[in-house]
Protein backbone atom coordinates (compact mmCIF):
# COMPACT_ATOMS: atom_id res chain seq x y z
CA UNK A 1 0.00 0.00 0.00
CA UNK A 2 2.98 2.36 0.32
CA UNK A 3 3.69 2.17 -3.41
CA UNK A 4 1.42 5.07 -4.58
CA UNK A 5 2.77 7.57 -1.99
CA UNK A 6 6.34 6.50 -2.75
CA UNK A 7 5.70 6.87 -6.48
CA UNK A 8 4.17 10.33 -5.88
CA UNK A 9 7.18 11.36 -3.79
CA UNK A 10 9.66 10.14 -6.42
CA UNK A 11 7.86 11.95 -9.24
CA UNK A 12 7.83 15.17 -7.16
CA UNK A 13 11.58 14.87 -6.58
CA UNK A 14 12.24 14.24 -10.28
CA UNK A 15 10.18 17.29 -11.27
CA UNK A 16 12.10 19.55 -8.87
CA UNK A 17 15.53 18.57 -10.22
CA UNK A 18 17.47 20.78 -12.57
CA UNK A 19 20.16 19.91 -15.13
CA UNK A 20 22.92 20.24 -12.52
CA UNK A 21 21.38 17.42 -10.45
CA UNK A 22 21.48 15.11 -13.48
CA UNK A 23 25.14 16.04 -14.07
CA UNK A 24 25.99 15.18 -10.45
CA UNK A 25 24.10 11.90 -10.82
CA UNK A 26 26.04 11.14 -14.02
CA UNK A 27 29.36 11.85 -12.27
CA UNK A 28 28.42 9.61 -9.36
CA UNK A 29 27.39 6.70 -11.60
CA UNK A 30 30.45 7.24 -13.79
CA UNK A 31 32.87 7.15 -10.83
CA UNK A 32 31.25 4.04 -9.33
CA UNK A 33 31.31 2.23 -12.70
CA UNK A 34 34.87 3.40 -13.39
CA UNK A 35 36.19 1.88 -10.18
CA UNK A 36 34.42 -1.40 -10.94
CA UNK A 37 35.63 -1.63 -14.55
CA UNK A 38 39.22 -0.60 -13.77
CA UNK A 39 39.52 -3.34 -11.16
CA UNK A 40 37.91 -5.91 -13.47
CA UNK A 41 39.82 -5.00 -16.64
CA UNK A 42 43.24 -4.59 -14.97
CA UNK A 43 43.06 -8.23 -14.02
CA UNK A 44 42.54 -9.22 -17.66
CA UNK A 45 45.09 -7.23 -19.66
CA UNK A 46 47.59 -4.42 -19.96
CA UNK A 47 47.14 -1.23 -17.96
CA UNK A 48 46.91 1.26 -20.85
CA UNK A 49 44.12 -0.47 -22.77
CA UNK A 50 42.30 -1.50 -19.59
CA UNK A 51 42.01 2.07 -18.30
CA UNK A 52 40.85 3.38 -21.69
CA UNK A 53 38.27 0.60 -21.98
CA UNK A 54 37.11 1.22 -18.39
CA UNK A 55 36.62 4.94 -19.08
CA UNK A 56 34.70 4.22 -22.29
CA UNK A 57 32.44 1.58 -20.76
CA UNK A 58 31.82 3.67 -17.63
CA UNK A 59 30.85 6.76 -19.59
CA UNK A 60 28.48 4.75 -21.80
CA UNK A 61 26.95 3.10 -18.73
CA UNK A 62 26.50 6.42 -16.85
CA UNK A 63 25.11 8.20 -19.92
CA UNK A 64 22.67 5.39 -20.62
CA UNK A 65 21.54 5.24 -16.99
CA UNK A 66 20.86 8.97 -16.72
CA UNK A 67 19.36 9.24 -20.22
CA UNK A 68 16.93 6.40 -19.52
CA UNK A 69 15.81 8.25 -16.41
CA UNK A 70 15.34 11.40 -18.51
CA UNK A 71 13.26 9.47 -21.03
CA UNK A 72 10.80 8.57 -18.27
CA UNK A 73 9.82 12.20 -18.48
CA UNK A 74 8.20 13.44 -21.63
CA UNK A 75 10.07 14.70 -24.65
CA UNK A 76 9.31 17.67 -26.87
CA UNK A 77 6.85 16.79 -29.64
CA UNK A 78 8.75 18.77 -32.25
CA UNK A 79 12.49 18.29 -31.55
CA UNK A 80 12.37 15.17 -29.28
CA UNK A 81 14.72 16.67 -26.68
CA UNK A 82 14.16 15.67 -23.03
CA UNK A 83 11.93 18.34 -21.49
CA UNK A 84 13.64 18.09 -18.10
CA UNK A 85 16.58 19.93 -19.60
CA UNK A 86 14.92 22.19 -22.17
CA UNK A 87 11.51 23.29 -20.87
CA UNK A 88 10.83 26.76 -19.55
CA UNK A 89 7.77 27.67 -17.47
CA UNK A 90 5.93 30.68 -18.92
CA UNK A 91 2.92 30.87 -16.59
CA UNK A 92 0.55 29.07 -14.21
CA UNK A 93 -3.22 29.15 -13.87
CA UNK A 94 -5.07 27.76 -10.83
CA UNK A 95 -7.91 25.30 -11.53
CA UNK A 96 -8.99 23.59 -8.32
CA UNK A 97 -7.84 21.79 -5.20
CA UNK A 98 -8.11 18.02 -4.88
CA UNK A 99 -7.81 15.64 -1.94
CA UNK A 100 -6.46 12.11 -2.21
CA UNK A 101 -6.94 9.55 0.54
CA UNK A 102 -4.94 6.50 1.52
CA UNK A 103 -5.96 3.61 3.78
CA UNK A 104 -3.35 1.53 5.60
CA UNK A 105 -4.44 -1.59 7.44
CA UNK A 106 -2.27 -2.71 10.32
CA UNK A 107 -2.32 -5.02 13.29
CA UNK A 108 -4.12 -8.29 13.76
CA UNK A 109 -4.50 -10.88 16.48
CA UNK A 110 -0.79 -11.01 17.23
CA UNK A 111 -0.68 -7.22 17.75
CA UNK A 112 -3.70 -7.03 20.10
CA UNK A 113 -5.80 -5.01 17.72
CA UNK A 114 -6.76 -4.49 14.11
CA UNK A 115 -6.67 -0.90 12.82
CA UNK A 116 -7.19 1.09 9.64
CA UNK A 117 -5.33 4.39 9.35
CA UNK A 118 -6.80 7.00 7.02
CA UNK A 119 -4.36 9.50 5.50
CA UNK A 120 -5.16 12.54 3.40
CA UNK A 121 -3.06 14.67 1.03
CA UNK A 122 -4.18 17.85 -0.73
CA UNK A 123 -3.10 18.76 -4.26
CA UNK A 124 -3.39 22.08 -6.06
CA UNK A 125 -4.34 21.45 -9.70
CA UNK A 126 -2.85 24.03 -12.07
CA UNK A 127 -2.50 24.54 -15.81
CA UNK A 128 1.15 25.30 -16.55
CA UNK A 129 2.28 26.87 -19.82
CA UNK A 130 5.69 25.64 -21.05
CA UNK A 131 8.06 26.55 -23.87
CA UNK A 132 10.83 24.37 -25.30
CA UNK A 133 14.10 26.30 -25.22
CA UNK A 134 15.49 24.41 -28.19
CA UNK A 135 12.71 24.76 -30.79
CA UNK A 136 10.36 27.34 -29.22
CA UNK A 137 7.13 25.31 -29.31
CA UNK A 138 4.58 26.27 -26.59
CA UNK A 139 2.12 23.90 -24.85
CA UNK A 140 0.00 23.64 -21.71
CA UNK A 141 -0.14 20.78 -19.21
CA UNK A 142 -2.38 20.14 -16.19
CA UNK A 143 -0.15 19.41 -13.18
CA UNK A 144 -1.05 18.42 -9.63
CA UNK A 145 1.24 20.13 -7.11
CA UNK A 146 1.16 18.78 -3.53
CA UNK A 147 0.13 21.34 -0.93
CA UNK A 148 1.14 19.22 2.08
CA UNK A 149 2.40 15.77 2.99
CA UNK A 150 0.15 12.84 3.91
CA UNK A 151 -1.53 13.59 7.24
CA UNK A 152 -3.24 11.10 9.53
CA UNK A 153 -6.94 11.94 9.53
CA UNK A 154 -8.40 9.13 11.58
CA UNK A 155 -7.62 5.69 13.02
CA UNK A 156 -10.44 3.15 12.99
CA UNK A 157 -10.30 0.17 15.34
CA UNK A 158 -11.87 -2.94 13.83
CA UNK A 159 -13.55 -5.47 16.10
CA UNK A 160 -12.58 -9.03 15.15
């Protein structure tokens, strides 16, 4: 039952990130892969070719990893560039506020009680106008922005 809130939280974090965060992520993945491939390839051959191969494989691995994460987000319809890096917000228009609820069941006979926790989270629904920096195309998208975190509304005790 924690999957939808976790997915919401991850998508919020991805939307807040800028291009610098993806560069730092690329550097981290590249350095971790570089250490792994240098150790592995130095055992197999000469030092010069092993280090060059390790750098090449690590950069391809890091670029593919970060690019696949960028492709999860939408791309521009005209120039197919990842919108995380090239979109610019031109304006926002408020539509409505929405509330989403979550039920978590916990307990049982071994815990001396059976409970249902009700959580609530409010979202502000807005229409956001974007522009692609690369090709200049303009579009609008309806986006839910969280107003607050999940809050416990009520705990219901179930009688078994």
